[in-house]
C-alpha atoms as a PDB file:
ATOM      1  CA  MET A   1     -13.497  47.371  -7.030  1.00  0.00           C
ATOM      2  CA  ASN A   2     -10.864  45.919  -8.081  1.00  0.00           C
ATOM      3  CA  ARG A   3      -9.132  44.770  -4.883  1.00  0.00           C
ATOM      4  CA  LEU A   4     -12.779  43.764  -3.979  1.00  0.00           C
ATOM      5  CA  LEU A   5     -12.921  41.713  -6.767  1.00  0.00           C
ATOM      6  CA  ALA A   6      -9.397  40.312  -6.141  1.00  0.00           C
ATOM      7  CA  THR A   7     -10.054  39.597  -2.443  1.00  0.00           C
ATOM      8  CA  GLY A   8     -12.971  37.545  -3.430  1.00  0.00           C
ATOM      9  CA  PHE A   9     -11.536  35.319  -6.271  1.00  0.00           C
ATOM     10  CA  THR A  10      -8.861  34.792  -3.521  1.00  0.00           C
ATOM     11  CA  VAL A  11     -11.483  33.734  -0.554  1.00  0.00           C
ATOM     12  CA  LEU A  12     -13.367  31.832  -3.189  1.00  0.00           C
ATOM     13  CA  PHE A  13     -10.067  29.632  -4.407  1.00  0.00           C
ATOM     14  CA  GLY A  14      -8.991  29.348  -0.812  1.00  0.00           C
ATOM     15  CA  LEU A  15     -12.323  27.264  -0.609  1.00  0.00           C
ATOM     16  CA  LEU A  16     -11.962  25.181  -3.663  1.00  0.00           C
ATOM     17  CA  VAL A  17      -8.709  23.948  -2.771  1.00  0.00           C
ATOM     18  CA  CYS A  18      -9.174  23.674   1.148  1.00  0.00           C
ATOM     19  CA  VAL A  19     -12.541  21.493   0.581  1.00  0.00           C
ATOM     20  CA  PRO A  20     -11.194  18.749  -1.475  1.00  0.00           C
ATOM     21  CA  ALA A  21      -8.282  18.033   0.632  1.00  0.00           C
ATOM     22  CA  SER A  22     -10.762  18.145   3.632  1.00  0.00           C
ATOM     23  CA  LEU A  23     -13.052  14.994   1.863  1.00  0.00           C
ATOM     24  CA  ALA A  24      -9.949  13.440   0.774  1.00  0.00           C
ATOM     25  CA  GLN A  25      -8.793  12.925   4.102  1.00  0.00           C
ATOM     26  CA  GLN A  26     -11.887  11.611   4.874  1.00  0.00           C
ATOM     27  CA  GLU A  27     -12.401   8.917   2.795  1.00  0.00           C
ATOM     28  CA  GLN A  28      -8.673   7.717   3.274  1.00  0.00           C
ATOM     29  CA  THR A  29      -8.577   4.637   5.811  1.00  0.00           C
ATOM     30  CA  GLU A  30      -6.103   3.318   8.086  1.00  0.00           C
ATOM     31  CA  GLY A  31      -5.174  -0.717   6.595  1.00  0.00           C
ATOM     32  CA  ARG A  32      -6.094  -3.247   8.743  1.00  0.00           C
ATOM     33  CA  ARG A  33      -4.078  -4.301  11.466  1.00  0.00           C
ATOM     34  CA  LEU A  34      -1.748  -7.427  10.256  1.00  0.00           C
ATOM     35  CA  ILE A  35      -1.551 -10.161  12.952  1.00  0.00           C
ATOM     36  CA  ASN A  36       0.667 -13.051  11.170  1.00  0.00           C
ATOM     37  CA  ARG A  37       3.661 -11.698   8.764  1.00  0.00           C
ATOM     38  CA  VAL A  38       5.663 -14.471   7.095  1.00  0.00           C
ATOM     39  CA  GLN A  39       8.817 -13.532   5.980  1.00  0.00           C
ATOM     40  CA  PRO A  40      10.300 -14.780   2.294  1.00  0.00           C
ATOM     41  CA  GLN A  41      12.693 -17.138   1.597  1.00  0.00           C
ATOM     42  CA  TYR A  42      15.945 -15.081  -0.245  1.00  0.00           C
ATOM     43  CA  PRO A  43      15.847 -16.636  -3.269  1.00  0.00           C
ATOM     44  CA  GLU A  44      19.414 -18.846  -3.307  1.00  0.00           C
ATOM     45  CA  VAL A  45      19.789 -17.090  -6.952  1.00  0.00           C
ATOM     46  CA  ALA A  46      19.095 -13.824  -5.918  1.00  0.00           C
ATOM     47  CA  ARG A  47      21.640 -14.532  -2.499  1.00  0.00           C
ATOM     48  CA  ASN A  48      24.624 -15.370  -4.668  1.00  0.00           C
ATOM     49  CA  ILE A  49      24.297 -12.348  -6.851  1.00  0.00           C
ATOM     50  CA  ASN A  50      24.125 -10.450  -3.824  1.00  0.00           C
ATOM     51  CA  LEU A  51      20.721  -9.027  -4.967  1.00  0.00           C
ATOM     52  CA  SER A  52      18.835  -7.187  -3.333  1.00  0.00           C
ATOM     53  CA  GLY A  53      15.127  -4.937  -3.383  1.00  0.00           C
ATOM     54  CA  THR A  54      11.661  -4.312  -2.794  1.00  0.00           C
ATOM     55  CA  VAL A  55       8.927  -6.041  -3.913  1.00  0.00           C
ATOM     56  CA  LYS A  56       5.687  -3.825  -3.854  1.00  0.00           C
ATOM     57  CA  ALA A  57       2.376  -5.398  -4.202  1.00  0.00           C
ATOM     58  CA  GLU A  58      -1.477  -4.706  -3.056  1.00  0.00           C
ATOM     59  CA  ALA A  59      -3.626  -7.514  -1.664  1.00  0.00           C
ATOM     60  CA  VAL A  60      -7.429  -8.042  -1.469  1.00  0.00           C
ATOM     61  CA  VAL A  61      -7.762  -9.130   2.056  1.00  0.00           C
ATOM     62  CA  ALA A  62     -11.176 -10.925   2.676  1.00  0.00           C
ATOM     63  CA  SER A  63     -13.559 -10.566   5.674  1.00  0.00           C
ATOM     64  CA  ASN A  64     -11.928 -13.230   7.528  1.00  0.00           C
ATOM     65  CA  GLY A  65      -7.973 -11.816   6.993  1.00  0.00           C
ATOM     66  CA  ALA A  66      -6.726 -13.826   4.406  1.00  0.00           C
ATOM     67  CA  VAL A  67      -4.906 -13.022   1.416  1.00  0.00           C
ATOM     68  CA  LYS A  68      -7.925 -12.922  -1.284  1.00  0.00           C
ATOM     69  CA  SER A  69      -5.927 -11.979  -4.665  1.00  0.00           C
ATOM     70  CA  LEU A  70      -2.397 -10.184  -5.061  1.00  0.00           C
ATOM     71  CA  GLU A  71      -1.482  -7.899  -7.451  1.00  0.00           C
ATOM     72  CA  VAL A  72       2.507  -7.084  -7.921  1.00  0.00           C
ATOM     73  CA  LYS A  73       3.277  -3.973  -8.586  1.00  0.00           C
ATOM     74  CA  GLY A  74       6.834  -3.696  -9.073  1.00  0.00           C
ATOM     75  CA  GLY A  75       9.769  -5.308  -7.975  1.00  0.00           C
ATOM     76  CA  ASN A  76      12.747  -7.707  -9.223  1.00  0.00           C
ATOM     77  CA  PRO A  77      11.255 -10.428 -10.770  1.00  0.00           C
ATOM     78  CA  LEU A  78      13.866 -13.172  -9.362  1.00  0.00           C
ATOM     79  CA  LEU A  79      12.257 -11.258  -5.620  1.00  0.00           C
ATOM     80  CA  ILE A  80       8.825 -11.705  -6.842  1.00  0.00           C
ATOM     81  CA  ARG A  81       7.793 -15.548  -6.835  1.00  0.00           C
ATOM     82  CA  ALA A  82       9.473 -15.515  -3.177  1.00  0.00           C
ATOM     83  CA  ALA A  83       7.300 -12.675  -1.701  1.00  0.00           C
ATOM     84  CA  GLN A  84       4.082 -13.720  -2.983  1.00  0.00           C
ATOM     85  CA  ASN A  85       4.570 -17.165  -1.271  1.00  0.00           C
ATOM     86  CA  ALA A  86       5.286 -15.488   1.947  1.00  0.00           C
ATOM     87  CA  ILE A  87       2.392 -12.563   1.168  1.00  0.00           C
ATOM     88  CA  TYR A  88      -0.330 -15.605   0.386  1.00  0.00           C
ATOM     89  CA  LYS A  89       0.652 -16.999   3.843  1.00  0.00           C
ATOM     90  CA  TRP A  90      -0.225 -13.371   5.952  1.00  0.00           C
ATOM     91  CA  LYS A  91      -3.120 -13.005   8.089  1.00  0.00           C
ATOM     92  CA  TRP A  92      -4.784  -9.461   8.317  1.00  0.00           C
ATOM     93  CA  ALA A  93      -7.287  -9.175  11.486  1.00  0.00           C
ATOM     94  CA  PRO A  94     -10.611 -10.310  10.801  1.00  0.00           C
ATOM     95  CA  ALA A  95     -13.482  -7.142   9.478  1.00  0.00           C
ATOM     96  CA  THR A  96     -16.627  -6.281   7.998  1.00  0.00           C
ATOM     97  CA  HIS A  97     -15.353  -6.479   4.479  1.00  0.00           C
ATOM     98  CA  GLU A  98     -12.426  -7.049   2.094  1.00  0.00           C
ATOM     99  CA  THR A  99     -10.023  -4.393   2.242  1.00  0.00           C
ATOM    100  CA  ARG A 100      -6.834  -3.684  -0.168  1.00  0.00           C
ATOM    101  CA  GLU A 101      -3.778  -3.599   1.477  1.00  0.00           C
ATOM    102  CA  PRO A 102      -0.717  -1.971  -0.030  1.00  0.00           C
ATOM    103  CA  ILE A 103       2.463  -4.410   0.705  1.00  0.00           C
ATOM    104  CA  GLU A 104       6.366  -3.761   0.739  1.00  0.00           C
ATOM    105  CA  VAL A 105       8.387  -6.503   1.176  1.00  0.00           C
ATOM    106  CA  LYS A 106      12.106  -5.615   1.260  1.00  0.00           C
ATOM    107  CA  PHE A 107      14.632  -7.880   0.777  1.00  0.00           C
ATOM    108  CA  GLU A 108      18.420  -7.113   1.954  1.00  0.00           C
ATOM    109  CA  LEU A 109      21.105  -8.920   2.782  1.00  0.00           C
ATOM    110  CA  ARG A 110      22.564  -8.778   5.808  1.00  0.00           C
END
């Protein structure tokens, strides 16, 4: 009896773990296709001190593909303004509704 009960709990646990994972996969959407990416200008101050890094942001992109708003999620303050200026010039493929697009802009000295 204990073995049967343990098997039942194992099956039930497996269903509880698998069902939410499959639902989450269905809810995920691929990002819109970026059709014009403007490279940011490396800030002179950052270049002079050999600063590199990544600015992370999330853009709300209108149905026409233009950036409607932008929220910075992280990055060096010396690099953020340059990233924002460039991202506002980016253009995505048109869609039927606005979307939220995760963005990473990398600043690397060459």
